[in-house]
């Protein structure tokens, strides 16, 4: 039976849509306290209603996870629930696709900040409230393992997430805090609405597929660490 007086506290960054939203729903249930972070207040409130209906307690903390002050406040708010953070899921993303020599510097920097800097900040300020058995899940991409022409900023950011995750895993290992990187193949989210070209979205993963894997990670015993999970569609590459 879940301990309702001492729930598991999970922070989901990028919770308003896509994999983050699906993950919040997959983690919902009695004995869970979800702290939902994203910029869209209406989307977060709608998600909060669904997760509460599934039995979870919910705290909505809207804001921009590239803002260091906001991230500090987010983690302090999460830690106030029980005095600790048990799970952090980073699922913040976005892609600007163009040949690298046509890519504006501002777009390059915005992609790195959105994908990589946000991961750094959330991890940095969450770990102060984590103890042995806690888990960080950073959602990267298969793009962290293979290049895709015209996706240079996105690929660089996801490579960065993978390298950063691998490094902090070793730093946190003596404390018993676990770090897993999830590398999904193409996943049918709104990201693809703005990507040039024709894409067979029926052959993509669904956000729920990735969320299910994250929920399974969260259910592992606290001494078990999974360093990396690569998820793909059985059909293969698009």
Foldseek 3Di string as FASTA:
>chain_A
DADQLAAAEEEQAPCLWFLNVLLLQLQAARRYEYEYEEADPVSQVVSCVNSVVRPYHYHYQYDALLDLVSLLVSLVVSCVSRNAHQEYEYDWAAFDFAAPVPDDPVRLVVRLSRQAVSLVRNVVNRVVRHAALGEYEYEAACLLVDPDGRRVSNSVNSVNVLVVQVVVQVVCVVRNYEYAYEHEYAEDICNCVPDDDDDDNVQGHYSNVSSNVVSVQSPDGRNDYDHYHYYHGPVDHD
